Amino acid sequence: MRWVLAAVLASLCLIVASAASAQAPGGFVGPPCFLSVEFGEGPSELFLDEHTGPFALGCSVFGGYVVLLDSSDPALRQNPIIWSDVVAFTNGGPVQPGQPVNAVYLISDSVNPSNGIENGMRSQDLAAAGLTVADIVGNPTTVYVVEGENTIPGATDRNLYDAPSATGIAHYIFRSDPPEGPTPTRTGSWGRIKALYR
């Protein structure tokens, strides 16, 4: 009888854990506190304009990440070279699936000041929110969205993202540069690949 009770209890724990991990990043934890919220990049390509936040949301949402991609190729979605922006629902640092947070960051890919070429996302960029590329790729709730696919009509720089939860749908507008296509690559090395994930 004890084994049956233990098995039922373990099953219930797994159900609760999987329900928590299935929550969309940015979805309301409790009652909704806004209809929609918009935030985005600053007016220049300077570091402080490209790495914004934290923005206070006014209520708790589920932690996690939304990645805007410069390519629609699903095989490349976890390659930070094609990441245009990362929206990080975090109070700072990595979050676990289902973890409640009340702030969000918008981090854009950096421009190399010597040649003006965007280099995709690096852990150095994500450090503004206390994150690494590995934190984003390793989170099972990370959402990948092709930049410019779902925007406000006539405003290709305003990407729409809806995060459903049991208490309502949180509507977000991420203001970002229009998609530029895949980021140009340079001669790569294993050292460069490893550096991207640090």
Protein backbone atom coordinates (compact mmCIF):
# COMPACT_ATOMS: atom_id res chain seq x y z
CA MET A 1 0.00 0.00 0.00
CA ARG A 2 2.85 2.37 0.80
CA TRP A 3 4.32 1.77 -2.67
CA VAL A 4 1.01 2.64 -4.33
CA LEU A 5 0.69 5.82 -2.24
CA ALA A 6 4.29 6.77 -3.05
CA ALA A 7 3.69 6.16 -6.78
CA VAL A 8 0.53 8.30 -6.76
CA LEU A 9 2.32 11.09 -4.90
CA ALA A 10 5.27 10.97 -7.34
CA SER A 11 2.87 11.10 -10.30
CA LEU A 12 1.11 14.16 -8.87
CA CYS A 13 4.46 15.90 -8.34
CA LEU A 14 5.41 15.22 -11.97
CA ILE A 15 2.08 16.58 -13.20
CA VAL A 16 2.48 19.76 -11.16
CA ALA A 17 6.11 20.16 -12.29
CA SER A 18 5.26 19.66 -15.97
CA ALA A 19 2.36 22.12 -15.71
CA ALA A 20 4.68 24.73 -14.22
CA SER A 21 7.36 24.15 -16.84
CA ALA A 22 4.84 24.46 -19.67
CA GLN A 23 4.03 28.09 -18.82
CA ALA A 24 4.74 30.60 -21.56
CA PRO A 25 7.45 33.13 -20.70
CA GLY A 26 5.73 36.40 -19.75
CA GLY A 27 2.35 34.76 -18.99
CA PHE A 28 0.49 36.09 -15.95
CA VAL A 29 1.02 34.15 -12.71
CA GLY A 30 -2.05 35.72 -11.07
CA PRO A 31 -4.63 38.28 -12.15
CA PRO A 32 -3.60 40.36 -15.22
CA CYS A 33 -2.25 43.82 -14.46
CA PHE A 34 -2.03 45.21 -18.02
CA LEU A 35 -3.75 44.78 -21.38
CA SER A 36 -0.57 45.16 -23.42
CA VAL A 37 2.89 46.53 -22.87
CA GLU A 38 5.45 47.84 -25.37
CA PHE A 39 9.17 48.25 -24.94
CA GLY A 40 12.17 48.19 -27.21
CA GLU A 41 15.56 49.29 -28.32
CA GLY A 42 16.83 52.81 -27.85
CA PRO A 43 17.40 55.28 -30.69
CA SER A 44 21.03 54.36 -31.43
CA GLU A 45 23.31 51.35 -31.84
CA LEU A 46 25.17 52.24 -28.62
CA PHE A 47 25.44 49.52 -25.97
CA LEU A 48 23.06 51.23 -23.51
CA ASP A 49 20.38 51.65 -26.20
CA GLU A 50 20.74 48.03 -27.33
CA HIS A 51 20.66 46.53 -23.79
CA THR A 52 17.57 47.90 -22.04
CA GLY A 53 15.88 46.98 -18.80
CA PRO A 54 14.91 45.93 -16.35
CA PHE A 55 11.40 47.17 -17.02
CA ALA A 56 9.01 46.63 -14.09
CA LEU A 57 5.81 44.86 -15.19
CA GLY A 58 3.64 45.68 -12.16
CA CYS A 59 2.70 42.07 -11.43
CA SER A 60 4.23 38.60 -11.52
CA VAL A 61 4.70 36.76 -14.81
CA PHE A 62 6.34 33.44 -15.60
CA GLY A 63 10.08 33.70 -16.15
CA GLY A 64 11.73 32.66 -19.38
CA TYR A 65 13.01 33.92 -22.69
CA VAL A 66 11.73 34.95 -26.11
CA VAL A 67 14.32 35.05 -28.89
CA LEU A 68 13.73 37.09 -32.07
CA LEU A 69 15.45 35.43 -35.01
CA ASP A 70 16.88 36.84 -38.25
CA SER A 71 16.26 33.52 -40.05
CA SER A 72 13.22 31.25 -40.36
CA ASP A 73 15.37 28.11 -40.65
CA PRO A 74 14.32 25.96 -37.65
CA ALA A 75 17.67 24.16 -37.68
CA LEU A 76 19.41 27.43 -36.79
CA ARG A 77 17.15 28.72 -34.02
CA GLN A 78 19.55 27.82 -31.20
CA ASN A 79 22.50 29.40 -33.02
CA PRO A 80 23.10 32.81 -31.41
CA ILE A 81 24.61 34.15 -34.65
CA ILE A 82 21.04 34.61 -35.99
CA TRP A 83 19.53 36.00 -32.79
CA SER A 84 18.44 39.59 -33.25
CA ASP A 85 17.03 40.19 -29.77
CA VAL A 86 16.45 38.33 -26.52
CA VAL A 87 13.51 39.27 -24.33
CA ALA A 88 14.35 37.99 -20.86
CA PHE A 89 11.57 37.74 -18.30
CA THR A 90 13.81 37.72 -15.24
CA ASN A 91 14.55 39.77 -12.14
CA GLY A 92 18.22 39.25 -13.09
CA GLY A 93 20.03 35.99 -13.72
CA PRO A 94 18.82 32.61 -14.98
CA VAL A 95 15.23 31.52 -14.29
CA GLN A 96 13.73 28.09 -13.83
CA PRO A 97 10.60 27.06 -15.77
CA GLY A 98 7.51 28.34 -13.97
CA GLN A 99 9.47 30.76 -11.77
CA PRO A 100 7.56 34.00 -11.10
CA VAL A 101 9.32 37.29 -11.93
CA ASN A 102 8.19 40.91 -12.23
CA ALA A 103 10.70 42.44 -14.67
CA VAL A 104 11.82 42.09 -18.27
CA TYR A 105 14.93 43.00 -20.30
CA LEU A 106 15.27 43.56 -24.05
CA ILE A 107 18.78 42.82 -25.27
CA SER A 108 19.77 43.33 -28.91
CA ASP A 109 22.67 41.98 -30.89
CA SER A 110 25.80 44.08 -30.80
CA VAL A 111 27.33 46.01 -33.64
CA ASN A 112 31.06 45.77 -34.15
CA PRO A 113 32.14 49.44 -33.92
CA SER A 114 35.03 48.92 -36.33
CA ASN A 115 32.93 47.71 -39.26
CA GLY A 116 29.24 48.26 -38.35
CA ILE A 117 28.36 44.56 -38.79
CA GLU A 118 25.95 42.98 -36.31
CA ASN A 119 27.52 39.90 -34.77
CA GLY A 120 24.48 38.11 -33.40
CA MET A 121 24.05 37.56 -29.69
CA ARG A 122 26.91 36.81 -27.33
CA SER A 123 27.05 36.00 -23.66
CA GLN A 124 28.71 39.41 -23.18
CA ASP A 125 25.47 41.02 -24.43
CA LEU A 126 23.29 38.88 -22.18
CA ALA A 127 25.45 39.68 -19.14
CA ALA A 128 23.43 42.92 -18.84
CA ALA A 129 20.64 40.67 -17.45
CA GLY A 130 22.98 38.24 -15.68
CA LEU A 131 22.55 35.59 -18.39
CA THR A 132 24.56 33.55 -20.89
CA VAL A 133 23.69 31.99 -24.24
CA ALA A 134 23.67 28.60 -22.48
CA ASP A 135 20.95 29.85 -20.08
CA ILE A 136 18.69 30.71 -23.03
CA VAL A 137 19.34 27.53 -25.03
CA GLY A 138 19.10 25.31 -21.95
CA ASN A 139 15.69 26.56 -20.80
CA PRO A 140 12.93 24.25 -22.12
CA THR A 141 10.36 27.07 -22.21
CA THR A 142 12.40 29.38 -24.48
CA VAL A 143 10.24 30.64 -27.36
CA TYR A 144 11.83 31.34 -30.75
CA VAL A 145 10.03 33.88 -32.99
CA VAL A 146 11.07 34.96 -36.47
CA GLU A 147 11.48 38.73 -36.36
CA GLY A 148 9.03 40.57 -38.61
CA GLU A 149 6.64 37.61 -39.06
CA ASN A 150 3.96 38.85 -36.66
CA THR A 151 3.98 42.64 -36.45
CA ILE A 152 1.58 45.54 -36.19
CA PRO A 153 0.37 46.26 -39.75
CA GLY A 154 2.52 48.99 -41.26
CA ALA A 155 5.07 48.82 -38.43
CA THR A 156 7.61 46.09 -39.21
CA ASP A 157 9.68 47.08 -36.18
CA ARG A 158 6.89 46.19 -33.71
CA ASN A 159 6.86 42.43 -33.10
CA LEU A 160 3.82 40.96 -31.36
CA TYR A 161 4.02 38.19 -28.77
CA ASP A 162 1.14 36.76 -26.74
CA ALA A 163 1.79 34.77 -23.57
CA PRO A 164 -1.28 32.76 -22.47
CA SER A 165 -1.78 31.54 -18.92
CA ALA A 166 -4.65 30.27 -16.80
CA THR A 167 -5.61 33.83 -15.80
CA GLY A 168 -5.45 35.59 -19.18
CA ILE A 169 -3.23 36.50 -22.11
CA ALA A 170 -0.38 38.96 -21.71
CA HIS A 171 0.12 40.95 -24.93
CA TYR A 172 3.62 42.26 -25.65
CA ILE A 173 5.03 44.49 -28.37
CA PHE A 174 8.81 44.25 -28.85
CA ARG A 175 10.15 47.25 -30.78
CA SER A 176 13.24 46.16 -32.71
CA ASP A 177 15.09 46.97 -35.92
CA PRO A 178 13.39 45.29 -38.90
CA PRO A 179 14.93 41.90 -39.71
CA GLU A 180 18.22 42.14 -41.56
CA GLY A 181 18.53 38.52 -42.66
CA PRO A 182 21.14 36.15 -41.29
CA THR A 183 24.07 37.91 -39.70
CA PRO A 184 27.22 37.82 -41.81
CA THR A 185 29.65 35.23 -40.51
CA ARG A 186 33.36 35.51 -40.20
CA THR A 187 35.99 32.86 -40.32
CA GLY A 188 35.03 30.75 -37.33
CA SER A 189 36.96 28.58 -34.98
CA TRP A 190 36.06 26.27 -32.12
CA GLY A 191 37.40 28.95 -29.80
CA ARG A 192 34.90 31.47 -31.20
CA ILE A 193 32.03 28.96 -30.95
CA LYS A 194 32.95 28.20 -27.32
CA ALA A 195 33.18 31.92 -26.54
CA LEU A 196 29.62 32.45 -27.77
CA TYR A 197 28.28 30.00 -25.21
CA ARG A 198 30.21 31.35 -22.22
